[in-house]
Amino acid sequence: MELALRERETLRELAAEPLVGLGAGRALLMQLAHPKVAQGVAEHSDFAGRPLARLFGTLDFLLIVTFGTEEEVERFSRRIRGLHRGLKGEGYTGADPELQMWVNATLIDSALYVYERVMRPDEDEVNIAAEYYRQARIVGEVLDVPEGMQPADLEGFRAYVDRMVEELVVTEQAREVARAVLWPKRLRWLGPGLAIFRLLTAAMLPASLREQFGLPWSHGRQRVADLFLRTGTDLYHVTPRWLRRPPERFLVWLAKRRVNATMRHRRR
């Protein structure tokens, strides 16, 4: 893992782009589409009182693994692995490597979705998708996914995601958690922003999962979502790199602060 931690240039290159955050809701709902993940979230998180905690918790851990020092990655990984070992229920455990692999897969797949369909690199740019996938497997490795369990290359990874999306059955538990995240009662003051979040999440979600979650959709919604995403594409291509990317150490500091706050909340 030490060697892999030194090979994070491409992982950092994409993760530092704010537009990648557009895929966060997509990744979360794809995770919840797995019945065992949904069951674990429903039984071991305060999704009603803190509806976005799961979303930010996953993203914060990803930021630490991506931009943190080797010592920071190892320290926070131990804490997360310990937390996952304590998440148990009928038919599942939070330390199940198959579940960990699926969670990481949703993050990778959503980042690549934004990279290829929203950021849309120019034809003369080197396509980083394959190398990004190779380096992003480190997130699964630090969570104790056995070596060789994750698909070896991008082609195999996409076949795995396609197969999982085809097989997943969204449960009522998953729909309940999704409603709490997409329509959080305690965050109604964020109404306009949440409406855009819901729209883009539904637009980017695989159609079969969108239908199973019961998310409202129409031709008009698709057109509005396309307008927002095209605007994101245009802004990405006209905004200078130095202006659109926050300092990496600031991202790590913010992530560590939120993770520590979440750990304190769970202990209480």
Protein backbone atom coordinates (compact mmCIF):
# COMPACT_ATOMS: atom_id res chain seq x y z
CA MET A 1 0.00 0.00 0.00
CA GLU A 2 2.93 2.36 0.66
CA LEU A 3 3.92 2.22 -3.01
CA ALA A 4 0.32 2.89 -4.07
CA LEU A 5 0.13 5.90 -1.75
CA ARG A 6 3.04 7.44 -3.62
CA GLU A 7 1.18 7.02 -6.91
CA ARG A 8 -1.69 9.43 -6.47
CA GLU A 9 -0.93 12.14 -9.03
CA THR A 10 -3.84 11.32 -11.35
CA LEU A 11 -6.14 10.57 -8.44
CA ARG A 12 -5.37 14.01 -7.05
CA GLU A 13 -5.63 15.67 -10.44
CA LEU A 14 -9.29 14.73 -10.80
CA ALA A 15 -10.32 14.80 -7.13
CA ALA A 16 -9.19 18.44 -6.81
CA GLU A 17 -11.75 19.56 -9.39
CA PRO A 18 -14.88 20.94 -7.65
CA LEU A 19 -17.09 19.65 -10.48
CA VAL A 20 -16.42 16.09 -9.30
CA GLY A 21 -18.61 16.92 -6.31
CA LEU A 22 -21.62 16.92 -8.64
CA GLY A 23 -21.46 13.12 -8.60
CA ALA A 24 -21.67 12.82 -4.81
CA GLY A 25 -25.43 12.25 -4.70
CA ARG A 26 -25.19 9.76 -7.56
CA ALA A 27 -22.53 7.78 -5.70
CA LEU A 28 -24.55 7.76 -2.48
CA LEU A 29 -27.73 6.49 -4.11
CA MET A 30 -25.80 3.81 -6.00
CA GLN A 31 -24.39 2.69 -2.64
CA LEU A 32 -27.86 2.62 -1.08
CA ALA A 33 -29.12 0.55 -4.01
CA HIS A 34 -27.19 -2.35 -2.48
CA PRO A 35 -29.64 -3.79 0.10
CA LYS A 36 -26.93 -4.55 2.67
CA VAL A 37 -25.45 -1.06 2.46
CA ALA A 38 -28.92 0.45 2.84
CA GLN A 39 -29.60 -1.78 5.82
CA GLY A 40 -26.34 -0.77 7.48
CA VAL A 41 -26.98 2.94 6.95
CA ALA A 42 -30.57 2.65 8.20
CA GLU A 43 -29.58 0.73 11.33
CA HIS A 44 -26.34 2.49 12.27
CA SER A 45 -26.69 6.14 11.29
CA ASP A 46 -28.84 9.07 12.30
CA PHE A 47 -29.94 9.73 8.73
CA ALA A 48 -33.11 11.50 9.86
CA GLY A 49 -31.34 13.93 12.19
CA ARG A 50 -28.12 14.27 10.16
CA PRO A 51 -29.19 13.43 6.59
CA LEU A 52 -25.96 14.47 4.88
CA ALA A 53 -23.55 12.92 7.40
CA ARG A 54 -23.10 9.72 5.39
CA LEU A 55 -22.48 11.68 2.21
CA PHE A 56 -19.89 13.99 3.73
CA GLY A 57 -18.31 11.18 5.75
CA THR A 58 -17.55 9.17 2.64
CA LEU A 59 -16.28 12.20 0.73
CA ASP A 60 -14.10 13.31 3.65
CA PHE A 61 -12.45 9.92 3.92
CA LEU A 62 -11.83 10.00 0.17
CA LEU A 63 -10.20 13.44 0.47
CA ILE A 64 -7.89 12.23 3.24
CA VAL A 65 -6.81 9.14 1.30
CA THR A 66 -6.28 11.22 -1.82
CA PHE A 67 -4.47 14.27 -0.45
CA GLY A 68 -3.29 13.27 3.02
CA THR A 69 0.21 12.26 4.04
CA GLU A 70 0.96 8.55 4.46
CA GLU A 71 0.72 8.99 8.24
CA GLU A 72 -2.67 10.73 7.98
CA VAL A 73 -4.01 8.05 5.64
CA GLU A 74 -2.91 5.23 7.91
CA ARG A 75 -4.24 6.89 11.07
CA PHE A 76 -7.68 7.69 9.69
CA SER A 77 -7.90 4.34 7.90
CA ARG A 78 -7.43 2.53 11.20
CA ARG A 79 -10.24 4.55 12.71
CA ILE A 80 -12.58 3.89 9.81
CA ARG A 81 -11.76 0.17 9.73
CA GLY A 82 -12.47 -0.02 13.45
CA LEU A 83 -15.77 1.78 12.95
CA HIS A 84 -16.78 -0.57 10.15
CA ARG A 85 -15.97 -3.67 12.21
CA GLY A 86 -18.52 -2.49 14.76
CA LEU A 87 -21.31 -2.16 12.19
CA LYS A 88 -23.12 -5.49 12.22
CA GLY A 89 -26.64 -6.65 11.59
CA GLU A 90 -28.64 -9.55 10.26
CA GLY A 91 -26.86 -10.76 7.13
CA TYR A 92 -24.19 -8.07 6.90
CA THR A 93 -21.11 -6.52 8.48
CA GLY A 94 -19.59 -3.13 7.74
CA ALA A 95 -16.21 -4.81 7.20
CA ASP A 96 -17.49 -7.01 4.35
CA PRO A 97 -14.92 -6.52 1.54
CA GLU A 98 -17.58 -6.91 -1.16
CA LEU A 99 -19.55 -4.00 0.32
CA GLN A 100 -16.38 -1.93 0.70
CA MET A 101 -15.50 -2.64 -2.93
CA TRP A 102 -18.96 -1.55 -4.09
CA VAL A 103 -18.82 1.69 -2.10
CA ASN A 104 -15.44 2.53 -3.64
CA ALA A 105 -16.72 1.55 -7.09
CA THR A 106 -19.59 4.03 -6.86
CA LEU A 107 -17.14 6.82 -6.01
CA ILE A 108 -14.83 5.93 -8.90
CA ASP A 109 -17.66 5.48 -11.39
CA SER A 110 -19.29 8.77 -10.41
CA ALA A 111 -16.00 10.68 -10.65
CA LEU A 112 -15.40 9.23 -14.12
CA TYR A 113 -18.98 10.07 -15.13
CA VAL A 114 -18.35 13.73 -14.30
CA TYR A 115 -14.92 13.67 -15.94
CA GLU A 116 -16.16 12.20 -19.22
CA ARG A 117 -19.65 13.71 -19.51
CA VAL A 118 -19.41 17.05 -17.71
CA MET A 119 -15.78 18.15 -17.71
CA ARG A 120 -15.37 16.69 -21.22
CA PRO A 121 -11.60 16.93 -21.77
CA ASP A 122 -10.50 18.37 -25.10
CA GLU A 123 -9.50 16.02 -27.88
CA ASP A 124 -5.83 16.97 -27.54
CA GLU A 125 -5.78 16.16 -23.81
CA VAL A 126 -4.58 12.81 -22.49
CA ASN A 127 -7.56 10.77 -21.26
CA ILE A 128 -6.84 9.94 -17.63
CA ALA A 129 -9.75 7.55 -17.01
CA ALA A 130 -7.74 4.31 -17.03
CA GLU A 131 -4.95 5.69 -14.85
CA TYR A 132 -7.45 7.30 -12.49
CA TYR A 133 -9.12 3.94 -11.96
CA ARG A 134 -5.79 2.22 -11.34
CA GLN A 135 -4.82 4.72 -8.67
CA ALA A 136 -8.29 5.04 -7.12
CA ARG A 137 -8.22 1.37 -6.12
CA ILE A 138 -6.06 2.51 -3.18
CA VAL A 139 -9.26 3.59 -1.40
CA GLY A 140 -10.48 -0.02 -1.42
CA GLU A 141 -7.06 -1.29 -0.36
CA VAL A 142 -6.87 0.91 2.73
CA LEU A 143 -10.30 -0.45 3.71
CA ASP A 144 -8.89 -4.01 3.58
CA VAL A 145 -10.38 -5.11 0.27
CA PRO A 146 -8.12 -8.11 -0.51
CA GLU A 147 -5.48 -7.65 -3.18
CA GLY A 148 -6.75 -8.89 -6.52
CA MET A 149 -10.43 -8.62 -5.59
CA GLN A 150 -10.97 -5.32 -7.38
CA PRO A 151 -11.10 -5.49 -11.21
CA ALA A 152 -7.63 -5.29 -12.73
CA ASP A 153 -8.35 -2.60 -15.32
CA LEU A 154 -10.91 -0.01 -16.40
CA GLU A 155 -12.65 -2.37 -18.82
CA GLY A 156 -13.15 -4.98 -16.11
CA PHE A 157 -14.26 -2.31 -13.66
CA ARG A 158 -16.96 -1.01 -16.00
CA ALA A 159 -18.21 -4.54 -16.62
CA TYR A 160 -18.42 -5.04 -12.83
CA VAL A 161 -20.40 -1.80 -12.33
CA ASP A 162 -22.76 -2.63 -15.20
CA ARG A 163 -23.40 -6.07 -13.74
CA MET A 164 -24.05 -4.71 -10.27
CA VAL A 165 -26.45 -2.01 -11.53
CA GLU A 166 -28.37 -4.66 -13.44
CA GLU A 167 -28.62 -6.96 -10.41
CA LEU A 168 -29.32 -4.45 -7.61
CA VAL A 169 -32.81 -4.21 -6.16
CA VAL A 170 -33.64 -0.99 -4.31
CA THR A 171 -35.38 -1.72 -1.00
CA GLU A 172 -37.86 0.40 0.92
CA GLN A 173 -35.09 1.04 3.46
CA ALA A 174 -32.97 2.50 0.67
CA ARG A 175 -35.82 4.69 -0.53
CA GLU A 176 -36.42 5.94 3.02
CA VAL A 177 -32.77 6.94 3.47
CA ALA A 178 -32.70 8.50 -0.01
CA ARG A 179 -35.76 10.62 0.80
CA ALA A 180 -34.10 11.84 4.00
CA VAL A 181 -31.00 12.86 2.04
CA LEU A 182 -32.72 14.42 -0.95
CA TRP A 183 -35.57 16.09 0.97
CA PRO A 184 -34.00 16.82 4.39
CA LYS A 185 -36.57 18.42 6.68
CA ARG A 186 -33.95 20.20 8.80
CA LEU A 187 -32.34 21.83 5.78
CA ARG A 188 -35.38 23.34 4.12
CA TRP A 189 -33.69 26.74 4.18
CA LEU A 190 -31.38 25.33 1.49
CA GLY A 191 -34.41 24.79 -0.76
CA PRO A 192 -33.11 26.08 -4.14
CA GLY A 193 -29.73 24.39 -3.74
CA LEU A 194 -31.32 21.10 -2.69
CA ALA A 195 -33.67 21.25 -5.68
CA ILE A 196 -30.66 21.48 -8.02
CA PHE A 197 -28.91 18.71 -6.06
CA ARG A 198 -31.95 16.43 -6.50
CA LEU A 199 -32.27 17.26 -10.18
CA LEU A 200 -28.61 16.57 -11.03
CA THR A 201 -28.49 13.44 -8.87
CA ALA A 202 -31.51 12.01 -10.68
CA ALA A 203 -30.11 13.05 -14.08
CA MET A 204 -26.78 11.28 -13.56
CA LEU A 205 -28.13 8.18 -11.85
CA PRO A 206 -28.48 5.04 -14.03
CA ALA A 207 -32.04 5.06 -15.37
CA SER A 208 -32.93 1.68 -13.84
CA LEU A 209 -31.93 2.85 -10.35
CA ARG A 210 -33.65 6.22 -10.79
CA GLU A 211 -36.86 4.37 -11.56
CA GLN A 212 -36.46 2.01 -8.60
CA PHE A 213 -35.88 4.92 -6.22
CA GLY A 214 -39.07 6.48 -7.56
CA LEU A 215 -37.43 9.78 -8.41
CA PRO A 216 -39.67 12.04 -10.51
CA TRP A 217 -38.43 12.39 -14.08
CA SER A 218 -39.60 13.88 -17.35
CA HIS A 219 -38.34 15.29 -20.62
CA GLY A 220 -38.53 18.78 -19.12
CA ARG A 221 -36.43 17.81 -16.11
CA GLN A 222 -33.86 16.26 -18.43
CA ARG A 223 -33.61 19.49 -20.45
CA VAL A 224 -33.12 21.60 -17.33
CA ALA A 225 -30.50 19.18 -15.99
CA ASP A 226 -28.68 19.24 -19.34
CA LEU A 227 -28.61 23.04 -19.17
CA PHE A 228 -27.02 23.00 -15.72
CA LEU A 229 -24.47 20.36 -16.76
CA ARG A 230 -23.55 22.23 -19.97
CA THR A 231 -23.05 25.36 -17.88
CA GLY A 232 -20.70 23.38 -15.65
CA THR A 233 -18.78 22.21 -18.73
CA ASP A 234 -18.42 25.75 -20.04
CA LEU A 235 -17.29 27.12 -16.68
CA TYR A 236 -14.72 24.36 -16.34
CA HIS A 237 -13.15 25.16 -19.70
CA VAL A 238 -13.03 28.94 -19.23
CA THR A 239 -11.97 29.09 -15.55
CA PRO A 240 -8.20 29.02 -14.96
CA ARG A 241 -6.92 25.96 -13.13
CA TRP A 242 -5.48 28.01 -10.23
CA LEU A 243 -8.82 29.70 -9.65
CA ARG A 244 -11.08 26.64 -9.65
CA ARG A 245 -8.97 24.33 -7.44
CA PRO A 246 -8.77 24.96 -3.66
CA PRO A 247 -5.48 24.27 -1.80
CA GLU A 248 -5.05 20.55 -1.17
CA ARG A 249 -3.98 20.97 2.46
CA PHE A 250 -7.10 23.02 3.10
CA LEU A 251 -9.20 20.14 1.77
CA VAL A 252 -7.44 17.72 4.12
CA TRP A 253 -7.86 20.06 7.08
CA LEU A 254 -11.57 20.46 6.39
CA ALA A 255 -12.06 16.71 5.92
CA LYS A 256 -10.21 15.85 9.14
CA ARG A 257 -12.24 18.43 11.04
CA ARG A 258 -15.53 16.94 9.85
CA VAL A 259 -14.41 13.33 10.43
CA ASN A 260 -13.34 14.15 14.00
CA ALA A 261 -16.68 15.88 14.61
CA THR A 262 -18.54 12.84 13.32
CA MET A 263 -16.51 10.50 15.53
CA ARG A 264 -17.30 12.65 18.58
CA HIS A 265 -20.99 12.61 17.65
CA ARG A 266 -20.98 8.80 17.37
CA ARG A 267 -19.26 8.41 20.75
CA ARG A 268 -21.91 10.61 22.35
